[in-house]
């Protein structure tokens, strides 16, 4: 009988980039100003303007999936299991889920920060997206590198294991450590768009819920003038009863009475053209064709070859930013297992063409191949008959 050693319980390392555990008003003591950090504004824009939110998610999905190809079968088996089952923030699993959330933060904020959590043996077990309000970036003394600082203790301190942190920036300005959000330049246009929407709602609340003006003009008779107040009061009561919800009631009165709809002479301003002008600016910033965001400005609108090529090049540029992050995660995992094999991140092909057009093209190629084979068979048959 052989006794087996009880395996050591693997514990995940503590999160380095954690929120500060201060009191309700601790922000006044630990506040550190962020330059070019308008994350709350950008997330508010996504919530207020659905087109912007749809564009961000559309870019995340269009970027596509990927897989890892390793040199040895053992490394391939281990990396496939890791890519499929790695924990992402406790709510999702898989490296692709982490990359999607990481890319969404990158598009919205212009800067994305993540962290690799390891167990006691140094093997990565979880991946975490860090809230940007919990970190700061500082330039290293050599002037080239970037240090990630955490605000867990209330004051900026460098993380203890920078090799387990992930950082990506989108189109940084010269001399800036932070990237530029995809939503940069949209607050002004979106503000005008929201004003138009708000005014439309207010106008419909006023003009859509019809209000009536009942005017009673007493005659020249002294009796009518003497009882004008009482008759007006009776008309108001009867009119109020006639307008109660439920069965339709008639309103009968005598004398010179006029009933008009308040605001019927004033038309609601046309909003289609200004709204489209603002949406065109937003869509142009995202680089996505309008019909992919549900904007049917033309009944025959479809993606042209030039638009498909431009969007494909845009997505490939985003992939070049995300590839180093994926490589770093996989490299840390393989090295923790003692594997130093080479690997490659292979992205799925980007297909922007219409499925019907692809089917027709495939059918035409099959027909051309059949004609070519028939022609070759006829030539072979004619040669045999000639000999």
Protein backbone atom coordinates (compact mmCIF):
# COMPACT_ATOMS: atom_id res chain seq x y z
CA UNK A 1 0.00 0.00 0.00
CA UNK A 2 1.47 3.30 -1.12
CA UNK A 3 0.67 6.55 0.55
CA UNK A 4 0.07 9.53 -1.72
CA UNK A 5 1.06 12.97 -0.65
CA UNK A 6 -1.78 15.33 -0.25
CA UNK A 7 -1.51 17.93 -3.02
CA UNK A 8 -0.81 21.44 -1.94
CA UNK A 9 -3.74 23.76 -2.24
CA UNK A 10 -3.11 26.33 -4.98
CA UNK A 11 -3.93 29.87 -3.96
CA UNK A 12 -4.25 32.74 -6.37
CA UNK A 13 -2.03 35.73 -5.75
CA UNK A 14 -3.57 38.94 -4.45
CA UNK A 15 -4.70 41.57 -6.90
CA UNK A 16 -2.12 44.31 -7.26
CA UNK A 17 -4.36 46.90 -8.89
CA UNK A 18 -7.16 46.98 -6.33
CA UNK A 19 -9.49 49.81 -5.32
CA UNK A 20 -8.56 51.88 -2.32
CA UNK A 21 -10.22 50.80 0.96
CA UNK A 22 -10.84 54.29 2.26
CA UNK A 23 -13.85 55.87 3.91
CA UNK A 24 -16.83 57.42 2.21
CA UNK A 25 -14.92 60.67 1.69
CA UNK A 26 -11.49 59.14 1.21
CA UNK A 27 -11.31 60.47 -2.32
CA UNK A 28 -10.52 63.91 -0.94
CA UNK A 29 -7.37 62.51 0.67
CA UNK A 30 -6.16 60.13 -2.05
CA UNK A 31 -7.15 62.08 -5.15
CA UNK A 32 -4.51 62.19 -7.87
CA UNK A 33 -5.33 64.26 -10.98
CA UNK A 34 -5.45 62.32 -14.24
CA UNK A 35 -4.39 64.02 -17.43
CA UNK A 36 -6.55 63.40 -20.49
CA UNK A 37 -8.74 60.99 -18.56
CA UNK A 38 -12.40 61.43 -19.45
CA UNK A 39 -13.54 57.88 -18.92
CA UNK A 40 -16.77 58.81 -17.15
CA UNK A 41 -17.70 61.15 -19.98
CA UNK A 42 -17.05 58.51 -22.63
CA UNK A 43 -19.07 55.85 -20.83
CA UNK A 44 -21.88 58.38 -20.38
CA UNK A 45 -21.81 59.04 -24.13
CA UNK A 46 -22.15 55.34 -24.84
CA UNK A 47 -25.15 55.16 -22.54
CA UNK A 48 -26.80 58.30 -23.93
CA UNK A 49 -26.23 57.67 -27.66
CA UNK A 50 -26.99 54.04 -28.62
CA UNK A 51 -25.21 54.39 -31.98
CA UNK A 52 -21.88 54.96 -30.23
CA UNK A 53 -22.37 51.94 -27.98
CA UNK A 54 -23.35 49.80 -30.96
CA UNK A 55 -20.26 50.93 -32.88
CA UNK A 56 -17.92 49.93 -30.04
CA UNK A 57 -19.45 46.45 -29.73
CA UNK A 58 -19.49 46.08 -33.52
CA UNK A 59 -15.76 46.78 -33.75
CA UNK A 60 -15.09 44.29 -30.95
CA UNK A 61 -17.02 41.57 -32.78
CA UNK A 62 -15.64 42.39 -36.23
CA UNK A 63 -12.07 42.10 -34.94
CA UNK A 64 -12.77 38.36 -34.79
CA UNK A 65 -11.36 35.44 -32.90
CA UNK A 66 -7.93 33.81 -32.82
CA UNK A 67 -6.09 30.66 -31.84
CA UNK A 68 -2.56 29.83 -30.74
CA UNK A 69 -0.27 27.54 -32.73
CA UNK A 70 2.67 26.00 -30.84
CA UNK A 71 5.66 24.06 -32.11
CA UNK A 72 5.33 20.98 -29.84
CA UNK A 73 2.15 18.89 -29.27
CA UNK A 74 2.51 19.12 -25.48
CA UNK A 75 2.65 22.92 -25.53
CA UNK A 76 -0.24 22.98 -27.97
CA UNK A 77 -2.39 20.87 -25.67
CA UNK A 78 -1.61 22.98 -22.62
CA UNK A 79 -2.13 26.32 -24.35
CA UNK A 80 -5.43 25.18 -25.87
CA UNK A 81 -6.71 24.26 -22.43
CA UNK A 82 -5.55 27.59 -21.02
CA UNK A 83 -7.08 29.66 -23.81
CA UNK A 84 -10.40 27.88 -23.39
CA UNK A 85 -10.75 27.71 -19.61
CA UNK A 86 -8.80 30.61 -18.07
CA UNK A 87 -10.92 32.56 -15.60
CA UNK A 88 -11.72 36.14 -16.57
CA UNK A 89 -12.86 38.26 -13.66
CA UNK A 90 -14.98 35.50 -12.12
CA UNK A 91 -17.86 35.94 -14.59
CA UNK A 92 -16.39 34.73 -17.89
CA UNK A 93 -13.92 32.14 -19.09
CA UNK A 94 -11.60 32.04 -22.04
CA UNK A 95 -8.85 34.24 -23.37
CA UNK A 96 -11.10 35.57 -26.15
CA UNK A 97 -13.55 36.91 -23.55
CA UNK A 98 -10.71 38.74 -21.82
CA UNK A 99 -9.43 40.20 -25.09
CA UNK A 100 -12.95 41.41 -25.99
CA UNK A 101 -13.36 43.23 -22.65
CA UNK A 102 -9.79 44.55 -22.86
CA UNK A 103 -10.39 45.84 -26.41
CA UNK A 104 -13.69 47.46 -25.38
CA UNK A 105 -11.90 49.42 -22.65
CA UNK A 106 -9.17 50.37 -25.11
CA UNK A 107 -11.68 51.76 -27.64
CA UNK A 108 -13.69 53.63 -25.01
CA UNK A 109 -10.88 55.09 -22.90
CA UNK A 110 -7.92 54.99 -25.26
CA UNK A 111 -5.95 53.10 -22.58
CA UNK A 112 -6.43 49.54 -21.34
CA UNK A 113 -4.79 47.96 -18.29
CA UNK A 114 -4.97 44.30 -17.31
CA UNK A 115 -3.32 41.93 -14.88
CA UNK A 116 -2.33 38.27 -14.83
CA UNK A 117 -3.13 36.54 -11.52
CA UNK A 118 -1.01 33.50 -10.66
CA UNK A 119 -1.27 30.78 -8.02
CA UNK A 120 1.38 29.99 -5.42
CA UNK A 121 3.46 28.10 -7.98
CA UNK A 122 3.47 31.01 -10.43
CA UNK A 123 1.05 29.50 -12.97
CA UNK A 124 -1.47 32.02 -14.39
CA UNK A 125 -5.02 31.18 -13.30
CA UNK A 126 -7.01 34.36 -13.87
CA UNK A 127 -7.02 37.50 -15.98
CA UNK A 128 -8.34 40.82 -14.71
CA UNK A 129 -9.36 44.10 -16.34
CA UNK A 130 -8.25 46.97 -14.09
CA UNK A 131 -10.47 50.05 -13.65
CA UNK A 132 -8.48 53.01 -14.91
CA UNK A 133 -9.35 55.12 -11.88
CA UNK A 134 -7.23 52.72 -9.81
CA UNK A 135 -4.01 53.18 -11.77
CA UNK A 136 -1.64 55.89 -12.87
CA UNK A 137 1.06 55.88 -15.55
CA UNK A 138 4.47 57.42 -15.04
CA UNK A 139 7.48 57.66 -17.32
CA UNK A 140 10.56 55.73 -16.23
CA UNK A 141 13.78 57.47 -15.43
CA UNK A 142 15.32 56.31 -18.69
CA UNK A 143 12.66 58.37 -20.52
CA UNK A 144 11.47 55.47 -22.68
CA UNK A 145 9.60 52.99 -20.51
CA UNK A 146 6.35 53.35 -18.60
CA UNK A 147 5.68 52.44 -14.97
CA UNK A 148 2.23 51.35 -13.82
CA UNK A 149 1.31 52.84 -10.45
CA UNK A 150 -1.47 51.54 -8.22
CA UNK A 151 -3.60 53.64 -5.88
CA UNK A 152 -4.47 50.79 -3.49
CA UNK A 153 -2.78 52.52 -0.55
CA UNK A 154 -4.12 55.96 -1.38
CA UNK A 155 -0.88 57.23 -2.91
CA UNK A 156 0.64 56.17 -6.24
CA UNK A 157 3.04 53.27 -5.80
CA UNK A 158 4.69 51.09 -8.47
CA UNK A 159 3.22 47.60 -8.77
CA UNK A 160 5.40 44.88 -7.25
CA UNK A 161 5.22 42.58 -10.29
CA UNK A 162 5.15 44.72 -13.44
CA UNK A 163 5.79 41.64 -15.58
CA UNK A 164 2.26 40.44 -14.79
CA UNK A 165 0.59 43.71 -15.85
CA UNK A 166 -0.75 44.44 -19.33
CA UNK A 167 -0.87 47.88 -20.92
CA UNK A 168 -2.08 49.09 -24.32
CA UNK A 169 -2.68 52.59 -25.65
CA UNK A 170 -4.57 53.70 -28.75
CA UNK A 171 -3.10 56.47 -30.92
CA UNK A 172 -1.23 58.33 -28.15
CA UNK A 173 -0.40 61.97 -28.70
CA UNK A 174 3.29 62.92 -28.84
CA UNK A 175 4.70 63.02 -25.34
CA UNK A 176 1.58 61.54 -23.74
CA UNK A 177 1.51 58.26 -21.86
CA UNK A 178 -2.23 57.77 -22.37
CA UNK A 179 -3.98 56.89 -25.59
CA UNK A 180 -6.75 58.67 -27.45
CA UNK A 181 -10.24 57.27 -27.19
CA UNK A 182 -12.24 56.33 -30.26
CA UNK A 183 -14.88 58.70 -28.88
CA UNK A 184 -12.53 61.68 -28.87
CA UNK A 185 -14.23 64.57 -30.64
CA UNK A 186 -17.73 63.14 -30.15
CA UNK A 187 -18.84 65.02 -26.99
CA UNK A 188 -19.61 68.24 -28.89
CA UNK A 189 -21.51 66.52 -31.70
CA UNK A 190 -23.27 64.19 -29.28
CA UNK A 191 -24.27 67.16 -27.11
CA UNK A 192 -26.06 68.77 -30.07
CA UNK A 193 -27.71 65.46 -30.92
CA UNK A 194 -28.95 65.00 -27.36
CA UNK A 195 -30.34 68.55 -27.33
CA UNK A 196 -32.33 67.76 -30.48
CA UNK A 197 -33.66 64.53 -28.95
CA UNK A 198 -34.56 66.30 -25.72
CA UNK A 199 -36.38 69.09 -27.56
CA UNK A 200 -38.28 66.53 -29.64
CA UNK A 201 -39.43 64.81 -26.47
CA UNK A 202 -40.45 68.11 -24.88
CA UNK A 203 -42.34 69.25 -27.98
CA UNK A 204 -44.20 65.96 -28.26
CA UNK A 205 -45.03 66.10 -24.58
CA UNK A 206 -46.55 69.53 -25.14
CA UNK A 207 -48.12 69.12 -28.59
CA UNK A 208 -48.67 65.37 -28.59
CA UNK A 209 -50.80 65.49 -25.45
CA UNK A 210 -53.47 67.77 -26.94
CA UNK A 211 -54.74 70.61 -24.76
CA UNK A 212 -57.86 72.58 -25.61
CA UNK A 213 -58.76 76.23 -25.14
CA UNK A 214 -62.52 76.78 -24.60
CA UNK A 215 -63.52 80.42 -25.08
CA UNK A 216 -66.98 81.71 -24.22
CA UNK A 217 -68.02 85.14 -25.43
CA UNK A 218 -71.18 86.50 -23.79
CA UNK A 219 -73.66 88.34 -25.98
CA UNK A 220 -74.74 91.96 -25.79
CA UNK A 221 -77.70 91.02 -23.59
CA UNK A 222 -77.37 92.26 -20.03
CA UNK A 223 -78.49 88.88 -18.71
CA UNK A 224 -75.68 87.06 -20.57
CA UNK A 225 -73.13 89.50 -19.19
CA UNK A 226 -74.50 89.19 -15.67
CA UNK A 227 -74.25 85.41 -15.63
CA UNK A 228 -71.12 85.08 -17.80
CA UNK A 229 -68.98 83.91 -14.87
CA UNK A 230 -71.42 81.23 -13.76
CA UNK A 231 -71.94 79.94 -17.33
CA UNK A 232 -68.17 79.79 -17.89
CA UNK A 233 -67.79 77.80 -14.67
CA UNK A 234 -70.54 75.37 -15.72
CA UNK A 235 -68.93 74.94 -19.16
CA UNK A 236 -65.57 74.22 -17.52
CA UNK A 237 -67.10 71.53 -15.33
CA UNK A 238 -68.98 69.90 -18.22
CA UNK A 239 -65.90 70.07 -20.46
CA UNK A 240 -63.79 68.44 -17.77
CA UNK A 241 -66.34 65.61 -17.49
CA UNK A 242 -66.47 65.20 -21.28
CA UNK A 243 -62.66 64.83 -21.45
CA UNK A 244 -62.44 62.17 -18.74
CA UNK A 245 -60.98 58.85 -19.99
CA UNK A 246 -63.46 56.14 -20.78
CA UNK A 247 -66.58 56.42 -22.90
CA UNK A 248 -66.79 59.24 -25.44
CA UNK A 249 -69.03 62.06 -24.22
CA UNK A 250 -70.55 64.96 -26.11
CA UNK A 251 -70.21 68.57 -25.02
CA UNK A 252 -73.32 70.68 -25.64
CA UNK A 253 -73.45 74.40 -24.96
CA UNK A 254 -75.32 77.49 -26.12
CA UNK A 255 -73.95 80.86 -27.10
CA UNK A 256 -70.73 81.96 -28.80
CA UNK A 257 -68.28 79.21 -27.76
CA UNK A 258 -65.00 78.46 -29.54
CA UNK A 259 -62.87 75.35 -28.95
CA UNK A 260 -59.28 75.31 -30.27
CA UNK A 261 -56.27 73.06 -29.80
CA UNK A 262 -53.45 74.86 -28.02
CA UNK A 263 -50.36 75.00 -30.24
CA UNK A 264 -52.09 73.60 -33.32
CA UNK A 265 -50.79 76.49 -35.44
CA UNK A 266 -47.16 75.80 -34.50
CA UNK A 267 -45.52 72.87 -36.31
CA UNK A 268 -42.77 70.82 -34.68
CA UNK A 269 -39.40 71.73 -36.29
CA UNK A 270 -38.06 69.20 -38.78
CA UNK A 271 -35.28 67.13 -37.18
CA UNK A 272 -34.37 64.56 -39.81
CA UNK A 273 -31.68 66.62 -41.56
CA UNK A 274 -29.84 67.95 -38.44
CA UNK A 275 -29.99 64.53 -36.76
CA UNK A 276 -28.52 62.89 -39.84
CA UNK A 277 -25.75 65.49 -40.00
CA UNK A 278 -24.75 64.74 -36.42
CA UNK A 279 -24.97 60.96 -36.95
CA UNK A 280 -22.79 61.25 -40.06
CA UNK A 281 -20.02 62.80 -37.96
CA UNK A 282 -20.30 60.04 -35.35
CA UNK A 283 -20.34 57.25 -37.93
CA UNK A 284 -17.37 58.78 -39.76
CA UNK A 285 -15.37 58.70 -36.52
CA UNK A 286 -16.08 54.99 -35.97
CA UNK A 287 -15.17 53.98 -39.53
CA UNK A 288 -18.14 51.58 -39.78
CA UNK A 289 -20.58 51.76 -42.73
CA UNK A 290 -23.93 53.28 -41.65
CA UNK A 291 -26.07 50.28 -42.58
CA UNK A 292 -24.08 48.08 -40.20
CA UNK A 293 -25.32 50.32 -37.36
CA UNK A 294 -28.95 50.14 -38.46
CA UNK A 295 -28.95 53.49 -40.30
CA UNK A 296 -30.77 52.93 -43.59
CA UNK A 297 -30.06 56.23 -45.33
CA UNK A 298 -30.32 54.58 -48.75
CA UNK A 299 -32.61 51.74 -49.82
CA UNK A 300 -29.84 50.21 -51.97
CA UNK A 301 -26.94 50.83 -49.59
CA UNK A 302 -24.43 48.00 -49.27
CA UNK A 303 -20.76 47.67 -48.52
CA UNK A 304 -18.56 48.35 -51.52
CA UNK A 305 -15.19 46.75 -52.11
CA UNK A 306 -13.44 49.99 -51.14
CA UNK A 307 -15.35 50.22 -47.85
CA UNK A 308 -14.61 46.58 -47.07
CA UNK A 309 -10.89 47.10 -47.72
CA UNK A 310 -10.80 50.24 -45.56
CA UNK A 311 -12.62 48.55 -42.66
CA UNK A 312 -10.41 45.47 -42.98
CA UNK A 313 -7.25 47.59 -42.73
CA UNK A 314 -8.74 49.32 -39.66
CA UNK A 315 -9.43 46.00 -37.96
CA UNK A 316 -5.95 44.72 -38.80
CA UNK A 317 -4.48 47.82 -37.12
CA UNK A 318 -6.45 46.99 -33.96
CA UNK A 319 -5.17 43.41 -34.15
CA UNK A 320 -1.58 44.65 -34.23
CA UNK A 321 -2.24 46.41 -30.90
CA UNK A 322 -3.87 43.36 -29.29
CA UNK A 323 -1.39 40.74 -30.53
CA UNK A 324 1.45 41.70 -28.13
CA UNK A 325 -0.97 41.45 -25.18
CA UNK A 326 -2.02 37.93 -26.21
CA UNK A 327 1.59 36.91 -26.77
CA UNK A 328 2.62 38.16 -23.32
CA UNK A 329 -0.17 36.20 -21.61
CA UNK A 330 0.67 32.99 -23.46
CA UNK A 331 4.41 33.45 -22.92
CA UNK A 332 3.96 33.87 -19.15
CA UNK A 333 1.79 30.75 -19.03
CA UNK A 334 4.15 28.54 -21.06
CA UNK A 335 7.22 29.67 -19.15
CA UNK A 336 5.48 28.93 -15.85
CA UNK A 337 5.15 25.32 -17.10
CA UNK A 338 8.79 25.19 -18.17
CA UNK A 339 7.99 25.33 -21.88
CA UNK A 340 10.05 27.64 -24.03
CA UNK A 341 8.57 26.59 -27.37
CA UNK A 342 7.81 29.10 -30.04
CA UNK A 343 4.18 29.94 -30.73
CA UNK A 344 2.18 32.20 -32.99
CA UNK A 345 -1.10 34.08 -32.62
CA UNK A 346 -3.23 33.29 -35.67
CA UNK A 347 -6.26 35.51 -36.22
CA UNK A 348 -9.33 34.33 -38.08
CA UNK A 349 -9.86 35.69 -41.57
CA UNK A 350 -11.88 38.90 -41.84
CA UNK A 351 -14.77 38.43 -44.27
CA UNK A 352 -16.73 41.56 -45.17
CA UNK A 353 -18.34 40.38 -48.39
CA UNK A 354 -21.97 39.46 -48.82
CA UNK A 355 -22.62 35.74 -48.43
CA UNK A 356 -24.75 35.74 -51.59
CA UNK A 357 -21.94 37.34 -53.58
CA UNK A 358 -19.47 34.80 -52.20
CA UNK A 359 -21.80 31.94 -53.17
CA UNK A 360 -22.20 33.31 -56.69
CA UNK A 361 -18.44 33.73 -57.04
CA UNK A 362 -17.87 30.15 -55.84
CA UNK A 363 -20.48 28.90 -58.34
CA UNK A 364 -18.81 30.79 -61.18
CA UNK A 365 -15.43 29.31 -60.26
CA UNK A 366 -16.95 25.82 -60.24
CA UNK A 367 -18.49 26.39 -63.67
CA UNK A 368 -15.20 27.70 -65.03
CA UNK A 369 -13.38 24.65 -63.63
CA UNK A 370 -15.95 22.33 -65.24
CA UNK A 371 -15.61 24.05 -68.62
CA UNK A 372 -11.82 23.79 -68.38
CA UNK A 373 -11.98 20.07 -67.61
CA UNK A 374 -14.47 19.45 -70.43
CA UNK A 375 -12.24 21.31 -72.86
CA UNK A 376 -9.20 19.30 -71.81
CA UNK A 377 -11.13 16.04 -72.19
CA UNK A 378 -12.29 17.03 -75.69
CA UNK A 379 -8.72 17.88 -76.70
CA UNK A 380 -7.47 14.55 -75.38
CA UNK A 381 -10.23 12.68 -77.22
CA UNK A 382 -9.48 14.50 -80.49
CA UNK A 383 -5.78 13.66 -80.20
CA UNK A 384 -6.54 10.00 -79.65
CA UNK A 385 -8.85 9.93 -82.69
CA UNK A 386 -6.16 11.62 -84.81
CA UNK A 387 -3.56 9.04 -83.88
